[in-house]
Amino acid sequence: MFKKERVILELMAQEPSREWYGLELIEASNKKLRRGTIYVHLESLEDLRYISSRLENDEEYRPRHPSIRRRRLYKITELGLQQVAAPQ
């Protein structure tokens, strides 16, 4: 696992019931994560089943601008929590 993926899991593990979107994770990381690579790492973590994702539903989605798409929300899984708890 890459260091940035570990940062993502550790952030999510602080609030395991919370759903995050990518920019929130970037802001919470204190500049450890960057806009250009966050989604690559999120996809990798999802492939490993350490996180799950979904698109915003109709009630959550309020377009801030007509060209803005629904956000993908990410949540740590039980397997992801186990990974964070495991010794490195």
C-alpha atoms as a PDB file:
ATOM      1  CA  MET A   1       0.000   0.000   0.000  1.00  0.00           C
ATOM      2  CA  PHE A   2       1.225   3.474  -0.868  1.00  0.00           C
ATOM      3  CA  LYS A   3       1.841   6.052   1.858  1.00  0.00           C
ATOM      4  CA  LYS A   4      -0.936   8.302   0.531  1.00  0.00           C
ATOM      5  CA  GLU A   5      -3.393   5.424   0.660  1.00  0.00           C
ATOM      6  CA  ARG A   6      -2.467   4.910   4.295  1.00  0.00           C
ATOM      7  CA  VAL A   7      -3.135   8.622   4.930  1.00  0.00           C
ATOM      8  CA  ILE A   8      -6.587   8.263   3.366  1.00  0.00           C
ATOM      9  CA  LEU A   9      -7.450   5.221   5.476  1.00  0.00           C
ATOM     10  CA  GLU A  10      -6.214   6.870   8.664  1.00  0.00           C
ATOM     11  CA  LEU A  11      -8.325   9.956   7.991  1.00  0.00           C
ATOM     12  CA  MET A  12     -11.404   7.865   7.297  1.00  0.00           C
ATOM     13  CA  ALA A  13     -10.820   5.672  10.354  1.00  0.00           C
ATOM     14  CA  GLN A  14     -11.114   8.725  12.608  1.00  0.00           C
ATOM     15  CA  GLU A  15     -14.816   8.875  11.692  1.00  0.00           C
ATOM     16  CA  PRO A  16     -15.703   5.407  10.354  1.00  0.00           C
ATOM     17  CA  SER A  17     -19.389   6.135   9.817  1.00  0.00           C
ATOM     18  CA  ARG A  18     -18.729   9.287   7.791  1.00  0.00           C
ATOM     19  CA  GLU A  19     -18.861   9.459   4.018  1.00  0.00           C
ATOM     20  CA  TRP A  20     -16.174  11.640   2.467  1.00  0.00           C
ATOM     21  CA  TYR A  21     -15.762  13.173  -0.928  1.00  0.00           C
ATOM     22  CA  GLY A  22     -12.322  13.622  -2.450  1.00  0.00           C
ATOM     23  CA  LEU A  23     -11.845  17.341  -1.791  1.00  0.00           C
ATOM     24  CA  GLU A  24     -12.761  16.883   1.875  1.00  0.00           C
ATOM     25  CA  LEU A  25     -10.000  14.316   2.217  1.00  0.00           C
ATOM     26  CA  ILE A  26      -7.520  16.659   0.555  1.00  0.00           C
ATOM     27  CA  GLU A  27      -8.451  19.484   2.938  1.00  0.00           C
ATOM     28  CA  ALA A  28      -8.300  17.218   6.001  1.00  0.00           C
ATOM     29  CA  SER A  29      -4.871  15.843   5.052  1.00  0.00           C
ATOM     30  CA  ASN A  30      -2.926  19.044   5.721  1.00  0.00           C
ATOM     31  CA  LYS A  31      -1.433  19.003   2.213  1.00  0.00           C
ATOM     32  CA  LYS A  32      -0.379  15.338   2.329  1.00  0.00           C
ATOM     33  CA  LEU A  33      -2.863  14.559  -0.456  1.00  0.00           C
ATOM     34  CA  ARG A  34      -3.122  16.345  -3.788  1.00  0.00           C
ATOM     35  CA  ARG A  35      -5.932  16.938  -6.199  1.00  0.00           C
ATOM     36  CA  GLY A  36      -4.123  15.287  -9.112  1.00  0.00           C
ATOM     37  CA  THR A  37      -3.745  11.869  -7.496  1.00  0.00           C
ATOM     38  CA  ILE A  38      -6.414  11.453  -4.830  1.00  0.00           C
ATOM     39  CA  TYR A  39      -8.875   9.662  -7.099  1.00  0.00           C
ATOM     40  CA  VAL A  40      -6.244   7.176  -8.292  1.00  0.00           C
ATOM     41  CA  HIS A  41      -5.606   6.231  -4.662  1.00  0.00           C
ATOM     42  CA  LEU A  42      -9.308   6.088  -3.834  1.00  0.00           C
ATOM     43  CA  GLU A  43      -9.901   3.752  -6.770  1.00  0.00           C
ATOM     44  CA  SER A  44      -7.040   1.529  -5.655  1.00  0.00           C
ATOM     45  CA  LEU A  45      -8.385   1.360  -2.104  1.00  0.00           C
ATOM     46  CA  GLU A  46     -11.822   0.509  -3.426  1.00  0.00           C
ATOM     47  CA  ASP A  47     -10.347  -2.280  -5.583  1.00  0.00           C
ATOM     48  CA  LEU A  48      -8.777  -3.685  -2.389  1.00  0.00           C
ATOM     49  CA  ARG A  49     -12.185  -3.371  -0.657  1.00  0.00           C
ATOM     50  CA  TYR A  50     -10.731  -1.098   2.032  1.00  0.00           C
ATOM     51  CA  ILE A  51     -13.295   1.551   1.124  1.00  0.00           C
ATOM     52  CA  SER A  52     -16.643   1.612  -0.650  1.00  0.00           C
ATOM     53  CA  SER A  53     -18.229   4.379  -2.685  1.00  0.00           C
ATOM     54  CA  ARG A  54     -21.511   5.618  -4.052  1.00  0.00           C
ATOM     55  CA  LEU A  55     -22.839   8.601  -5.969  1.00  0.00           C
ATOM     56  CA  GLU A  56     -24.874  11.257  -4.202  1.00  0.00           C
ATOM     57  CA  ASN A  57     -28.585  10.549  -4.401  1.00  0.00           C
ATOM     58  CA  ASP A  58     -31.226  13.041  -5.591  1.00  0.00           C
ATOM     59  CA  GLU A  59     -31.838  14.476  -2.113  1.00  0.00           C
ATOM     60  CA  GLU A  60     -28.134  15.084  -1.474  1.00  0.00           C
ATOM     61  CA  TYR A  61     -27.344  16.446  -4.894  1.00  0.00           C
ATOM     62  CA  ARG A  62     -27.844  20.152  -5.202  1.00  0.00           C
ATOM     63  CA  PRO A  63     -25.999  21.422  -8.238  1.00  0.00           C
ATOM     64  CA  ARG A  64     -23.800  24.319  -7.349  1.00  0.00           C
ATOM     65  CA  HIS A  65     -23.454  24.983 -11.061  1.00  0.00           C
ATOM     66  CA  PRO A  66     -25.178  23.311 -14.036  1.00  0.00           C
ATOM     67  CA  SER A  67     -21.944  21.676 -15.200  1.00  0.00           C
ATOM     68  CA  ILE A  68     -21.110  20.122 -11.812  1.00  0.00           C
ATOM     69  CA  ARG A  69     -21.733  16.398 -11.582  1.00  0.00           C
ATOM     70  CA  ARG A  70     -22.824  14.381  -8.592  1.00  0.00           C
ATOM     71  CA  ARG A  71     -20.035  13.723  -6.141  1.00  0.00           C
ATOM     72  CA  ARG A  72     -18.794  10.252  -5.331  1.00  0.00           C
ATOM     73  CA  LEU A  73     -18.831   9.602  -1.586  1.00  0.00           C
ATOM     74  CA  TYR A  74     -16.326   7.237   0.020  1.00  0.00           C
ATOM     75  CA  LYS A  75     -16.527   5.315   3.282  1.00  0.00           C
ATOM     76  CA  ILE A  76     -14.055   3.039   5.016  1.00  0.00           C
ATOM     77  CA  THR A  77     -15.050  -0.628   5.272  1.00  0.00           C
ATOM     78  CA  GLU A  78     -14.446  -3.079   8.098  1.00  0.00           C
ATOM     79  CA  LEU A  79     -11.539  -4.486   6.119  1.00  0.00           C
ATOM     80  CA  GLY A  80     -10.103  -0.970   5.818  1.00  0.00           C
ATOM     81  CA  LEU A  81     -10.400  -0.453   9.566  1.00  0.00           C
ATOM     82  CA  GLN A  82      -8.555  -3.733  10.119  1.00  0.00           C
ATOM     83  CA  GLN A  83      -5.815  -2.547   7.754  1.00  0.00           C
ATOM     84  CA  VAL A  84      -5.370   0.689   9.729  1.00  0.00           C
ATOM     85  CA  ALA A  85      -5.194  -1.256  13.005  1.00  0.00           C
ATOM     86  CA  ALA A  86      -2.630  -3.739  11.649  1.00  0.00           C
ATOM     87  CA  PRO A  87       1.030  -3.065  12.418  1.00  0.00           C
ATOM     88  CA  GLN A  88       2.938  -1.583   9.489  1.00  0.00           C
END
